[in-house]
Amino acid sequence: KQWYQRRVAITAGGVGNVDQDDPTGNTQHYVVLRVCRIFRIVRIFKFVRHSRDLLIIMKAVSNAKRELILLVCLLFIFVITFGSIMYYIESTENDDFNSIMKSCWWVIVTITTVGYGDMCPTSAGGKLFGAFVLTLGIVFLALPMTIIVSKFSFVYEREKM
């Protein structure tokens, strides 16, 4: 172990000898070290205030907050609606869709075009509906880009002046 790991563990945990492994598996005194590692990652965000381009992107996203919140609400409505529809289409023929929550999981994976392959419709109606959900997902993912790009153009022109 590094010297600073021992020092932080002793200081934070008040533990005597940290070189020996605890036979009970108790590693509570290393929680402080894990938190300190997270803070190293957070330091990256300090560079945002020094970069003009990153500031413009942050302003564009914050200007599009209202539209993006509406988009998340629409996504929630789509997931619940299409998950319920897929459950009623596939529940009699496919054991993978045995609850509305599992069907909602399938809708999230399909709309975001991740496509894990853990669940797939088997009936003709389910496959047709799945194609519809996938097409809607592609359109749905394209919408935020147009919103953010239009806000970015507005902010960029305003910052340029």
Protein backbone atom coordinates (compact mmCIF):
# COMPACT_ATOMS: atom_id res chain seq x y z
CA LYS A 1 0.00 0.00 0.00
CA GLN A 2 1.09 3.54 -0.68
CA TRP A 3 2.18 5.72 2.23
CA TYR A 4 -0.68 8.17 1.72
CA GLN A 5 -3.24 5.36 1.72
CA ARG A 6 -1.97 4.20 5.09
CA ARG A 7 -1.93 7.76 6.46
CA VAL A 8 -5.50 8.55 5.34
CA ALA A 9 -6.81 5.21 6.58
CA ILE A 10 -5.21 5.68 9.97
CA THR A 11 -6.35 9.29 10.26
CA ALA A 12 -9.90 8.73 9.06
CA GLY A 13 -10.64 5.37 10.58
CA GLY A 14 -8.58 5.56 13.72
CA VAL A 15 -7.46 2.01 13.00
CA GLY A 16 -4.17 0.73 14.36
CA ASN A 17 -2.38 -1.42 11.81
CA VAL A 18 -3.91 -1.11 8.36
CA ASP A 19 -1.35 -3.33 6.68
CA GLN A 20 -3.04 -6.48 7.92
CA ASP A 21 -6.24 -7.58 6.21
CA ASP A 22 -9.27 -7.70 8.43
CA PRO A 23 -10.49 -11.32 8.56
CA THR A 24 -14.11 -10.16 8.78
CA GLY A 25 -13.82 -8.30 5.48
CA ASN A 26 -14.40 -4.94 7.16
CA THR A 27 -13.00 -2.22 4.91
CA GLN A 28 -14.85 0.78 6.29
CA HIS A 29 -11.65 2.73 6.83
CA TYR A 30 -11.04 2.78 3.06
CA VAL A 31 -14.28 4.66 2.31
CA VAL A 32 -12.44 7.95 2.69
CA LEU A 33 -9.93 6.88 0.05
CA ARG A 34 -12.68 6.01 -2.39
CA VAL A 35 -14.32 9.41 -1.88
CA CYS A 36 -10.97 11.14 -2.45
CA ARG A 37 -10.60 9.30 -5.77
CA ILE A 38 -13.98 10.63 -6.89
CA PHE A 39 -12.83 14.19 -6.17
CA ARG A 40 -9.94 13.71 -8.60
CA ILE A 41 -12.48 13.08 -11.34
CA VAL A 42 -14.53 16.12 -10.36
CA ARG A 43 -11.47 18.35 -10.91
CA ILE A 44 -11.93 17.86 -14.65
CA PHE A 45 -15.05 20.02 -14.48
CA LYS A 46 -12.93 22.99 -13.36
CA PHE A 47 -11.65 23.27 -16.92
CA VAL A 48 -15.10 24.27 -18.12
CA ARG A 49 -14.73 27.80 -16.78
CA HIS A 50 -11.41 28.22 -18.60
CA SER A 51 -12.67 27.10 -22.00
CA ARG A 52 -14.82 29.52 -23.95
CA ASP A 53 -16.19 26.77 -26.20
CA LEU A 54 -17.26 24.57 -23.30
CA LEU A 55 -18.96 27.56 -21.68
CA ILE A 56 -20.93 28.15 -24.87
CA ILE A 57 -22.05 24.51 -24.93
CA MET A 58 -23.08 24.68 -21.26
CA LYS A 59 -25.09 27.85 -21.90
CA ALA A 60 -26.78 26.25 -24.91
CA VAL A 61 -27.82 23.21 -22.88
CA SER A 62 -29.04 25.38 -20.00
CA ASN A 63 -31.06 27.50 -22.45
CA ALA A 64 -32.68 24.32 -23.78
CA LYS A 65 -33.62 23.09 -20.30
CA ARG A 66 -37.34 23.53 -20.78
CA GLU A 67 -37.42 21.63 -24.07
CA LEU A 68 -35.24 18.82 -22.72
CA ILE A 69 -37.47 18.41 -19.65
CA LEU A 70 -40.47 18.16 -21.97
CA LEU A 71 -38.60 15.54 -23.97
CA VAL A 72 -37.93 13.46 -20.84
CA CYS A 73 -41.62 13.69 -19.90
CA LEU A 74 -42.57 12.50 -23.39
CA LEU A 75 -40.09 9.64 -23.07
CA PHE A 76 -41.72 8.60 -19.79
CA ILE A 77 -45.18 8.66 -21.41
CA PHE A 78 -43.93 6.66 -24.41
CA VAL A 79 -42.29 4.05 -22.22
CA ILE A 80 -45.41 3.48 -20.11
CA THR A 81 -47.77 3.48 -23.10
CA PHE A 82 -45.71 1.35 -25.45
CA GLY A 83 -44.65 -1.01 -22.65
CA SER A 84 -48.29 -1.66 -21.82
CA ILE A 85 -49.19 -2.20 -25.47
CA MET A 86 -46.27 -4.59 -26.00
CA TYR A 87 -47.24 -6.51 -22.87
CA TYR A 88 -50.76 -7.08 -24.18
CA ILE A 89 -49.47 -8.05 -27.63
CA GLU A 90 -46.74 -10.47 -26.48
CA SER A 91 -47.78 -11.76 -23.04
CA THR A 92 -49.76 -14.74 -24.38
CA GLU A 93 -47.07 -16.01 -26.76
CA ASN A 94 -43.76 -14.91 -25.23
CA ASP A 95 -42.57 -15.64 -21.69
CA ASP A 96 -40.07 -12.75 -21.78
CA PHE A 97 -42.89 -10.20 -21.67
CA ASN A 98 -44.55 -11.52 -18.51
CA SER A 99 -44.98 -8.10 -16.85
CA ILE A 100 -45.54 -4.53 -17.91
CA MET A 101 -42.28 -3.49 -16.23
CA LYS A 102 -40.28 -5.95 -18.33
CA SER A 103 -42.07 -4.64 -21.40
CA CYS A 104 -41.19 -1.09 -20.36
CA TRP A 105 -37.55 -2.21 -20.07
CA TRP A 106 -37.76 -3.53 -23.63
CA VAL A 107 -39.20 -0.18 -24.79
CA ILE A 108 -36.37 1.78 -23.13
CA VAL A 109 -33.76 -0.47 -24.72
CA THR A 110 -35.49 -0.21 -28.10
CA ILE A 111 -36.13 3.55 -28.09
CA THR A 112 -32.54 4.30 -27.11
CA THR A 113 -31.41 1.86 -29.86
CA VAL A 114 -29.22 -0.07 -27.41
CA GLY A 115 -30.78 -3.42 -28.32
CA TYR A 116 -29.35 -5.79 -25.72
CA GLY A 117 -31.14 -8.75 -27.25
CA ASP A 118 -32.28 -10.14 -23.92
CA MET A 119 -35.92 -9.77 -25.00
CA CYS A 120 -37.42 -9.73 -28.45
CA PRO A 121 -40.97 -10.04 -29.76
CA THR A 122 -41.91 -13.31 -31.44
CA SER A 123 -45.42 -12.69 -32.77
CA ALA A 124 -46.05 -10.88 -36.04
CA GLY A 125 -47.92 -8.08 -34.28
CA GLY A 126 -45.11 -7.72 -31.75
CA LYS A 127 -42.47 -7.53 -34.46
CA LEU A 128 -44.48 -4.92 -36.36
CA PHE A 129 -45.00 -2.89 -33.21
CA GLY A 130 -41.30 -3.30 -32.36
CA ALA A 131 -40.36 -1.84 -35.74
CA PHE A 132 -42.66 1.11 -35.04
CA VAL A 133 -41.09 1.68 -31.60
CA LEU A 134 -37.58 1.47 -33.07
CA THR A 135 -38.43 4.00 -35.79
CA LEU A 136 -39.96 6.30 -33.21
CA GLY A 137 -36.82 5.90 -31.11
CA ILE A 138 -34.59 7.08 -33.94
CA VAL A 139 -36.79 10.13 -34.46
CA PHE A 140 -36.96 10.68 -30.72
CA LEU A 141 -33.16 10.69 -30.41
CA ALA A 142 -32.83 13.15 -33.28
CA LEU A 143 -35.08 15.74 -31.62
CA PRO A 144 -32.73 16.80 -28.81
CA MET A 145 -29.90 17.32 -31.28
CA THR A 146 -31.91 19.81 -33.33
CA ILE A 147 -32.96 21.67 -30.18
CA ILE A 148 -29.43 21.85 -28.80
CA VAL A 149 -27.95 22.87 -32.17
CA SER A 150 -30.45 25.70 -32.59
CA LYS A 151 -29.76 26.94 -29.04
CA PHE A 152 -26.03 26.58 -29.67
CA SER A 153 -26.26 28.76 -32.80
CA PHE A 154 -28.18 31.40 -30.85
CA VAL A 155 -25.71 31.42 -27.95
CA TYR A 156 -22.68 31.36 -30.28
CA GLU A 157 -23.90 34.36 -32.25
CA ARG A 158 -24.67 36.24 -29.04
CA GLU A 159 -21.22 35.46 -27.55
CA LYS A 160 -19.44 36.37 -30.78
CA MET A 161 -20.73 39.95 -30.68
